[in-house]
Amino acid sequence: MVDVGAKPVQRRRAVAAGRLLCRPATIRALKKKALPKGDVLTVAQMAGIQAAKRGGMIPLCHPLPLTHVELSFQVRRSAIEILCAVETSAQTGVEMEALTGVSIAALTLYDMCKAVDKTMRIGDIRVVEKVKS
């Protein structure tokens, strides 16, 4: 693990994004809450927030006390866009937590929709903002 002990504690924020590509029929069923596993977006949101808060899944990644996690979705015609914003006051950044939140939310969406859509693809997971002040 990298020694960050000499670094100052700073307010840090990271935002990650990702996408679940799926058929338009899957999106229609999701909007009607007609998928077999129920309210897909709420469950995926909780899973992503929980994953970002949990940490410890990535070896040598510093555990951080998070002060804020927000996970949101933009439902498109054939995709669900996922955004995860994470904040802390610490000696190292929170981009891994934001990426973890997006990844787990995407995997949860995939799991909850796979019964009706075998064509889904998870992709374009990336950091879109990293700020320290």
N, C-alpha and C. Protein backbone atom coordinates (compact mmCIF):
# COMPACT_ATOMS: atom_id res chain seq x y z
N MET A 1 0.86 -1.18 0.00
CA MET A 1 0.00 0.00 0.00
C MET A 1 0.90 1.23 0.00
N VAL A 2 0.50 2.24 -0.71
CA VAL A 2 1.26 3.48 -0.78
C VAL A 2 1.06 4.27 0.51
N ASP A 3 2.15 4.84 1.05
CA ASP A 3 2.08 5.64 2.27
C ASP A 3 1.59 7.04 1.92
N VAL A 4 0.39 7.40 2.40
CA VAL A 4 -0.16 8.72 2.15
C VAL A 4 -0.13 9.57 3.43
N GLY A 5 0.57 9.11 4.45
CA GLY A 5 0.60 9.76 5.75
C GLY A 5 1.08 11.20 5.73
N ALA A 6 1.96 11.55 4.81
CA ALA A 6 2.49 12.92 4.75
C ALA A 6 1.59 13.86 3.94
N LYS A 7 0.60 13.32 3.26
CA LYS A 7 -0.29 14.16 2.45
C LYS A 7 -1.30 14.85 3.35
N PRO A 8 -1.69 16.09 3.01
CA PRO A 8 -2.68 16.79 3.83
C PRO A 8 -4.09 16.22 3.62
N VAL A 9 -4.89 16.31 4.66
CA VAL A 9 -6.30 15.95 4.54
C VAL A 9 -6.97 17.05 3.71
N GLN A 10 -7.66 16.65 2.65
CA GLN A 10 -8.34 17.60 1.78
C GLN A 10 -9.73 17.08 1.45
N ARG A 11 -10.62 17.99 1.12
CA ARG A 11 -11.94 17.61 0.63
C ARG A 11 -11.76 17.06 -0.77
N ARG A 12 -12.30 15.88 -1.02
CA ARG A 12 -12.12 15.22 -2.31
C ARG A 12 -13.46 14.73 -2.84
N ARG A 13 -13.59 14.80 -4.16
CA ARG A 13 -14.82 14.36 -4.82
C ARG A 13 -14.42 13.67 -6.12
N ALA A 14 -15.11 12.58 -6.41
CA ALA A 14 -14.93 11.90 -7.69
C ALA A 14 -16.30 11.49 -8.20
N VAL A 15 -16.44 11.55 -9.52
CA VAL A 15 -17.67 11.11 -10.17
C VAL A 15 -17.27 10.10 -11.24
N ALA A 16 -17.95 8.97 -11.23
CA ALA A 16 -17.72 7.95 -12.25
C ALA A 16 -19.03 7.73 -13.00
N ALA A 17 -18.90 7.23 -14.22
CA ALA A 17 -20.07 6.96 -15.05
C ALA A 17 -19.91 5.61 -15.73
N GLY A 18 -21.02 5.06 -16.15
CA GLY A 18 -21.03 3.80 -16.89
C GLY A 18 -22.37 3.67 -17.59
N ARG A 19 -22.52 2.55 -18.28
CA ARG A 19 -23.73 2.39 -19.11
C ARG A 19 -24.08 0.91 -19.21
N LEU A 20 -25.38 0.64 -19.15
CA LEU A 20 -25.90 -0.69 -19.47
C LEU A 20 -26.69 -0.54 -20.76
N LEU A 21 -26.21 -1.15 -21.82
CA LEU A 21 -26.91 -1.14 -23.11
C LEU A 21 -27.89 -2.30 -23.13
N CYS A 22 -29.12 -2.03 -23.56
CA CYS A 22 -30.13 -3.08 -23.61
C CYS A 22 -31.17 -2.76 -24.68
N ARG A 23 -32.07 -3.68 -24.88
CA ARG A 23 -33.10 -3.49 -25.90
C ARG A 23 -34.13 -2.46 -25.44
N PRO A 24 -34.73 -1.72 -26.36
CA PRO A 24 -35.79 -0.78 -25.99
C PRO A 24 -36.95 -1.46 -25.24
N ALA A 25 -37.26 -2.70 -25.56
CA ALA A 25 -38.33 -3.42 -24.86
C ALA A 25 -37.99 -3.61 -23.37
N THR A 26 -36.73 -3.79 -23.08
CA THR A 26 -36.29 -3.93 -21.68
C THR A 26 -36.51 -2.61 -20.94
N ILE A 27 -36.18 -1.51 -21.60
CA ILE A 27 -36.38 -0.19 -20.99
C ILE A 27 -37.87 0.05 -20.73
N ARG A 28 -38.72 -0.32 -21.69
CA ARG A 28 -40.16 -0.15 -21.50
C ARG A 28 -40.66 -0.95 -20.29
N ALA A 29 -40.21 -2.19 -20.16
CA ALA A 29 -40.60 -3.03 -19.02
C ALA A 29 -40.08 -2.44 -17.71
N LEU A 30 -38.87 -1.91 -17.74
CA LEU A 30 -38.29 -1.29 -16.55
C LEU A 30 -39.12 -0.09 -16.11
N LYS A 31 -39.50 0.75 -17.06
CA LYS A 31 -40.30 1.94 -16.74
C LYS A 31 -41.67 1.57 -16.17
N LYS A 32 -42.24 0.45 -16.62
CA LYS A 32 -43.53 0.00 -16.12
C LYS A 32 -43.39 -0.81 -14.82
N LYS A 33 -42.13 -1.02 -14.39
CA LYS A 33 -41.84 -1.87 -13.22
C LYS A 33 -42.43 -3.26 -13.43
N ALA A 34 -42.28 -3.75 -14.68
CA ALA A 34 -42.86 -5.04 -15.07
C ALA A 34 -41.79 -6.13 -15.23
N LEU A 35 -40.59 -5.90 -14.73
CA LEU A 35 -39.55 -6.92 -14.80
C LEU A 35 -39.75 -7.93 -13.68
N PRO A 36 -39.37 -9.19 -13.89
CA PRO A 36 -39.62 -10.24 -12.89
C PRO A 36 -39.07 -9.95 -11.50
N LYS A 37 -37.94 -9.24 -11.41
CA LYS A 37 -37.32 -9.00 -10.11
C LYS A 37 -37.75 -7.69 -9.46
N GLY A 38 -38.72 -6.99 -10.05
CA GLY A 38 -39.28 -5.82 -9.38
C GLY A 38 -38.67 -4.49 -9.75
N ASP A 39 -38.53 -3.62 -8.75
CA ASP A 39 -38.08 -2.24 -8.93
C ASP A 39 -36.56 -2.20 -9.13
N VAL A 40 -36.16 -2.37 -10.35
CA VAL A 40 -34.76 -2.54 -10.73
C VAL A 40 -33.90 -1.34 -10.34
N LEU A 41 -34.35 -0.14 -10.62
CA LEU A 41 -33.52 1.04 -10.38
C LEU A 41 -33.27 1.29 -8.89
N THR A 42 -34.29 1.08 -8.07
CA THR A 42 -34.10 1.28 -6.63
C THR A 42 -33.12 0.27 -6.06
N VAL A 43 -33.26 -0.98 -6.44
CA VAL A 43 -32.34 -2.01 -5.94
C VAL A 43 -30.92 -1.74 -6.42
N ALA A 44 -30.74 -1.38 -7.69
CA ALA A 44 -29.41 -1.09 -8.23
C ALA A 44 -28.80 0.14 -7.56
N GLN A 45 -29.62 1.13 -7.26
CA GLN A 45 -29.12 2.32 -6.58
C GLN A 45 -28.60 1.96 -5.19
N MET A 46 -29.36 1.18 -4.44
CA MET A 46 -28.93 0.76 -3.10
C MET A 46 -27.66 -0.09 -3.17
N ALA A 47 -27.59 -0.98 -4.15
CA ALA A 47 -26.41 -1.84 -4.30
C ALA A 47 -25.17 -1.01 -4.61
N GLY A 48 -25.30 -0.03 -5.49
CA GLY A 48 -24.16 0.81 -5.85
C GLY A 48 -23.68 1.67 -4.69
N ILE A 49 -24.62 2.25 -3.95
CA ILE A 49 -24.24 3.07 -2.79
C ILE A 49 -23.56 2.20 -1.74
N GLN A 50 -24.14 1.05 -1.48
CA GLN A 50 -23.56 0.13 -0.50
C GLN A 50 -22.15 -0.30 -0.90
N ALA A 51 -21.94 -0.59 -2.17
CA ALA A 51 -20.62 -1.01 -2.66
C ALA A 51 -19.60 0.10 -2.52
N ALA A 52 -19.98 1.33 -2.86
CA ALA A 52 -19.06 2.46 -2.73
C ALA A 52 -18.66 2.66 -1.27
N LYS A 53 -19.60 2.50 -0.36
CA LYS A 53 -19.34 2.69 1.07
C LYS A 53 -18.50 1.56 1.66
N ARG A 54 -18.68 0.38 1.14
CA ARG A 54 -18.03 -0.80 1.73
C ARG A 54 -16.52 -0.78 1.57
N GLY A 55 -16.03 -0.51 0.36
CA GLY A 55 -14.59 -0.55 0.13
C GLY A 55 -14.01 -1.92 0.42
N GLY A 56 -12.72 -2.03 0.43
CA GLY A 56 -12.06 -3.27 0.78
C GLY A 56 -12.06 -4.34 -0.29
N MET A 57 -12.69 -4.09 -1.42
CA MET A 57 -12.74 -5.10 -2.48
C MET A 57 -11.50 -5.05 -3.38
N ILE A 58 -10.82 -3.93 -3.37
CA ILE A 58 -9.66 -3.77 -4.25
C ILE A 58 -8.40 -3.80 -3.38
N PRO A 59 -7.53 -4.78 -3.60
CA PRO A 59 -6.32 -4.90 -2.79
C PRO A 59 -5.49 -3.61 -2.84
N LEU A 60 -4.93 -3.23 -1.71
CA LEU A 60 -4.04 -2.08 -1.55
C LEU A 60 -4.73 -0.73 -1.72
N CYS A 61 -6.03 -0.72 -1.81
CA CYS A 61 -6.79 0.53 -1.90
C CYS A 61 -7.11 0.98 -0.48
N HIS A 62 -6.77 2.22 -0.14
CA HIS A 62 -6.99 2.74 1.21
C HIS A 62 -8.48 2.79 1.55
N PRO A 63 -8.87 2.29 2.71
CA PRO A 63 -10.26 2.45 3.14
C PRO A 63 -10.48 3.92 3.55
N LEU A 64 -11.60 4.50 3.12
CA LEU A 64 -11.85 5.91 3.37
C LEU A 64 -13.19 6.14 4.05
N PRO A 65 -13.24 7.12 4.95
CA PRO A 65 -14.53 7.50 5.54
C PRO A 65 -15.28 8.41 4.58
N LEU A 66 -16.32 7.91 3.96
CA LEU A 66 -17.05 8.69 2.98
C LEU A 66 -18.04 9.63 3.67
N THR A 67 -18.14 10.85 3.15
CA THR A 67 -19.09 11.80 3.71
C THR A 67 -20.35 11.91 2.86
N HIS A 68 -20.28 11.44 1.60
CA HIS A 68 -21.44 11.53 0.72
C HIS A 68 -21.29 10.53 -0.43
N VAL A 69 -22.36 9.84 -0.75
CA VAL A 69 -22.43 8.99 -1.94
C VAL A 69 -23.78 9.24 -2.59
N GLU A 70 -23.75 9.52 -3.87
CA GLU A 70 -24.99 9.71 -4.63
C GLU A 70 -24.91 8.91 -5.90
N LEU A 71 -25.91 8.09 -6.15
CA LEU A 71 -25.93 7.27 -7.36
C LEU A 71 -27.24 7.54 -8.10
N SER A 72 -27.12 7.88 -9.39
CA SER A 72 -28.31 8.23 -10.16
C SER A 72 -28.28 7.59 -11.53
N PHE A 73 -29.44 7.57 -12.18
CA PHE A 73 -29.60 6.95 -13.49
C PHE A 73 -30.27 7.92 -14.45
N GLN A 74 -29.89 7.82 -15.71
CA GLN A 74 -30.60 8.45 -16.81
C GLN A 74 -31.06 7.31 -17.71
N VAL A 75 -32.36 7.13 -17.81
CA VAL A 75 -32.88 6.04 -18.62
C VAL A 75 -33.10 6.56 -20.04
N ARG A 76 -32.40 5.95 -20.98
CA ARG A 76 -32.48 6.31 -22.39
C ARG A 76 -33.32 5.26 -23.14
N ARG A 77 -33.45 5.43 -24.43
CA ARG A 77 -34.25 4.50 -25.25
C ARG A 77 -33.68 3.08 -25.21
N SER A 78 -32.36 2.95 -25.27
CA SER A 78 -31.76 1.61 -25.30
C SER A 78 -30.55 1.51 -24.36
N ALA A 79 -30.55 2.32 -23.31
CA ALA A 79 -29.45 2.25 -22.34
C ALA A 79 -29.86 2.89 -21.03
N ILE A 80 -29.16 2.50 -20.00
CA ILE A 80 -29.29 3.16 -18.70
C ILE A 80 -27.92 3.73 -18.37
N GLU A 81 -27.86 5.05 -18.25
CA GLU A 81 -26.61 5.73 -17.88
C GLU A 81 -26.55 5.77 -16.36
N ILE A 82 -25.38 5.48 -15.81
CA ILE A 82 -25.20 5.41 -14.36
C ILE A 82 -24.15 6.44 -13.96
N LEU A 83 -24.46 7.23 -12.93
CA LEU A 83 -23.50 8.19 -12.36
C LEU A 83 -23.38 7.94 -10.87
N CYS A 84 -22.14 7.94 -10.38
CA CYS A 84 -21.90 7.80 -8.94
C CYS A 84 -20.93 8.89 -8.50
N ALA A 85 -21.38 9.75 -7.58
CA ALA A 85 -20.55 10.82 -7.01
C ALA A 85 -20.22 10.45 -5.57
N VAL A 86 -18.95 10.58 -5.22
CA VAL A 86 -18.49 10.21 -3.89
C VAL A 86 -17.63 11.34 -3.34
N GLU A 87 -17.78 11.63 -2.03
CA GLU A 87 -17.01 12.69 -1.40
C GLU A 87 -16.44 12.21 -0.07
N THR A 88 -15.30 12.81 0.30
CA THR A 88 -14.66 12.54 1.58
C THR A 88 -13.75 13.70 1.93
N SER A 89 -13.27 13.71 3.14
CA SER A 89 -12.16 14.56 3.55
C SER A 89 -11.08 13.58 4.00
N ALA A 90 -10.03 13.46 3.19
CA ALA A 90 -9.02 12.43 3.45
C ALA A 90 -7.71 12.80 2.77
N GLN A 91 -6.75 11.89 2.87
CA GLN A 91 -5.42 12.10 2.29
C GLN A 91 -5.28 11.49 0.90
N THR A 92 -6.30 10.84 0.42
CA THR A 92 -6.26 10.24 -0.91
C THR A 92 -7.66 10.32 -1.53
N GLY A 93 -7.72 10.17 -2.84
CA GLY A 93 -8.96 10.38 -3.58
C GLY A 93 -9.96 9.24 -3.49
N VAL A 94 -11.14 9.48 -4.04
CA VAL A 94 -12.25 8.55 -3.94
C VAL A 94 -12.71 8.02 -5.30
N GLU A 95 -11.84 8.07 -6.29
CA GLU A 95 -12.27 7.59 -7.61
C GLU A 95 -12.53 6.08 -7.62
N MET A 96 -11.81 5.30 -6.84
CA MET A 96 -12.07 3.86 -6.81
C MET A 96 -13.44 3.55 -6.22
N GLU A 97 -13.85 4.32 -5.22
CA GLU A 97 -15.17 4.13 -4.63
C GLU A 97 -16.28 4.50 -5.63
N ALA A 98 -16.07 5.58 -6.38
CA ALA A 98 -17.05 5.97 -7.40
C ALA A 98 -17.14 4.92 -8.50
N LEU A 99 -16.00 4.42 -8.95
CA LEU A 99 -15.98 3.37 -9.97
C LEU A 99 -16.63 2.09 -9.47
N THR A 100 -16.40 1.75 -8.21
CA THR A 100 -17.01 0.56 -7.62
C THR A 100 -18.53 0.72 -7.56
N GLY A 101 -19.00 1.89 -7.17
CA GLY A 101 -20.44 2.14 -7.11
C GLY A 101 -21.10 1.95 -8.47
N VAL A 102 -20.49 2.52 -9.52
CA VAL A 102 -21.04 2.38 -10.87
C VAL A 102 -21.01 0.92 -11.31
N SER A 103 -19.91 0.24 -11.06
CA SER A 103 -19.76 -1.15 -11.51
C SER A 103 -20.79 -2.07 -10.86
N ILE A 104 -20.97 -1.94 -9.57
CA ILE A 104 -21.92 -2.80 -8.87
C ILE A 104 -23.35 -2.45 -9.25
N ALA A 105 -23.64 -1.17 -9.45
CA ALA A 105 -24.98 -0.80 -9.92
C ALA A 105 -25.24 -1.41 -11.30
N ALA A 106 -24.26 -1.36 -12.18
CA ALA A 106 -24.41 -1.94 -13.53
C ALA A 106 -24.60 -3.46 -13.44
N LEU A 107 -23.83 -4.12 -12.61
CA LEU A 107 -23.97 -5.57 -12.45
C LEU A 107 -25.34 -5.93 -11.87
N THR A 108 -25.84 -5.12 -10.96
CA THR A 108 -27.16 -5.36 -10.38
C THR A 108 -28.25 -5.18 -11.44
N LEU A 109 -28.15 -4.12 -12.23
CA LEU A 109 -29.10 -3.92 -13.33
C LEU A 109 -29.08 -5.13 -14.27
N TYR A 110 -27.88 -5.57 -14.62
CA TYR A 110 -27.73 -6.72 -15.52
C TYR A 110 -28.42 -7.94 -14.92
N ASP A 111 -28.14 -8.21 -13.65
CA ASP A 111 -28.72 -9.38 -13.00
C ASP A 111 -30.25 -9.30 -12.98
N MET A 112 -30.78 -8.14 -12.72
CA MET A 112 -32.22 -8.00 -12.59
C MET A 112 -32.96 -7.97 -13.92
N CYS A 113 -32.23 -7.74 -15.01
CA CYS A 113 -32.87 -7.68 -16.33
C CYS A 113 -32.53 -8.88 -17.22
N LYS A 114 -31.62 -9.73 -16.80
CA LYS A 114 -31.12 -10.79 -17.68
C LYS A 114 -32.19 -11.80 -18.10
N ALA A 115 -33.24 -11.94 -17.32
CA ALA A 115 -34.30 -12.89 -17.67
C ALA A 115 -35.04 -12.47 -18.94
N VAL A 116 -35.06 -11.17 -19.23
CA VAL A 116 -35.81 -10.69 -20.39
C VAL A 116 -34.92 -10.18 -21.52
N ASP A 117 -33.62 -10.05 -21.28
CA ASP A 117 -32.73 -9.47 -22.30
C ASP A 117 -31.36 -10.14 -22.25
N LYS A 118 -31.11 -10.99 -23.22
CA LYS A 118 -29.81 -11.69 -23.30
C LYS A 118 -28.78 -10.89 -24.09
N THR A 119 -29.14 -9.71 -24.58
CA THR A 119 -28.24 -8.91 -25.43
C THR A 119 -27.53 -7.81 -24.66
N MET A 120 -27.79 -7.64 -23.38
CA MET A 120 -27.25 -6.51 -22.62
C MET A 120 -25.72 -6.51 -22.59
N ARG A 121 -25.18 -5.28 -22.50
CA ARG A 121 -23.73 -5.09 -22.39
C ARG A 121 -23.46 -3.97 -21.39
N ILE A 122 -22.52 -4.21 -20.51
CA ILE A 122 -22.05 -3.18 -19.58
C ILE A 122 -20.83 -2.54 -20.24
N GLY A 123 -20.74 -1.20 -20.19
CA GLY A 123 -19.58 -0.58 -20.80
C GLY A 123 -19.35 0.85 -20.40
N ASP A 124 -18.27 1.37 -20.93
CA ASP A 124 -17.89 2.78 -20.82
C ASP A 124 -17.79 3.25 -19.38
N ILE A 125 -17.30 2.38 -18.49
CA ILE A 125 -17.12 2.76 -17.08
C ILE A 125 -15.84 3.58 -16.99
N ARG A 126 -15.97 4.81 -16.40
CA ARG A 126 -14.83 5.71 -16.39
C ARG A 126 -15.02 6.78 -15.31
N VAL A 127 -13.92 7.43 -14.93
CA VAL A 127 -13.97 8.60 -14.05
C VAL A 127 -14.25 9.82 -14.92
N VAL A 128 -15.26 10.60 -14.55
CA VAL A 128 -15.59 11.79 -15.34
C VAL A 128 -15.26 13.09 -14.60
N GLU A 129 -14.98 12.99 -13.30
CA GLU A 129 -14.62 14.18 -12.53
C GLU A 129 -13.81 13.75 -11.33
N LYS A 130 -12.76 14.53 -11.04
CA LYS A 130 -11.93 14.31 -9.85
C LYS A 130 -11.49 15.68 -9.36
N VAL A 131 -11.91 16.02 -8.12
CA VAL A 131 -11.64 17.34 -7.59
C VAL A 131 -11.10 17.21 -6.17
N LYS A 132 -10.13 18.05 -5.84
CA LYS A 132 -9.70 18.17 -4.44
C LYS A 132 -9.59 19.65 -4.12
N SER A 133 -9.95 19.98 -2.88
CA SER A 133 -9.90 21.39 -2.47
C SER A 133 -9.41 21.53 -1.05
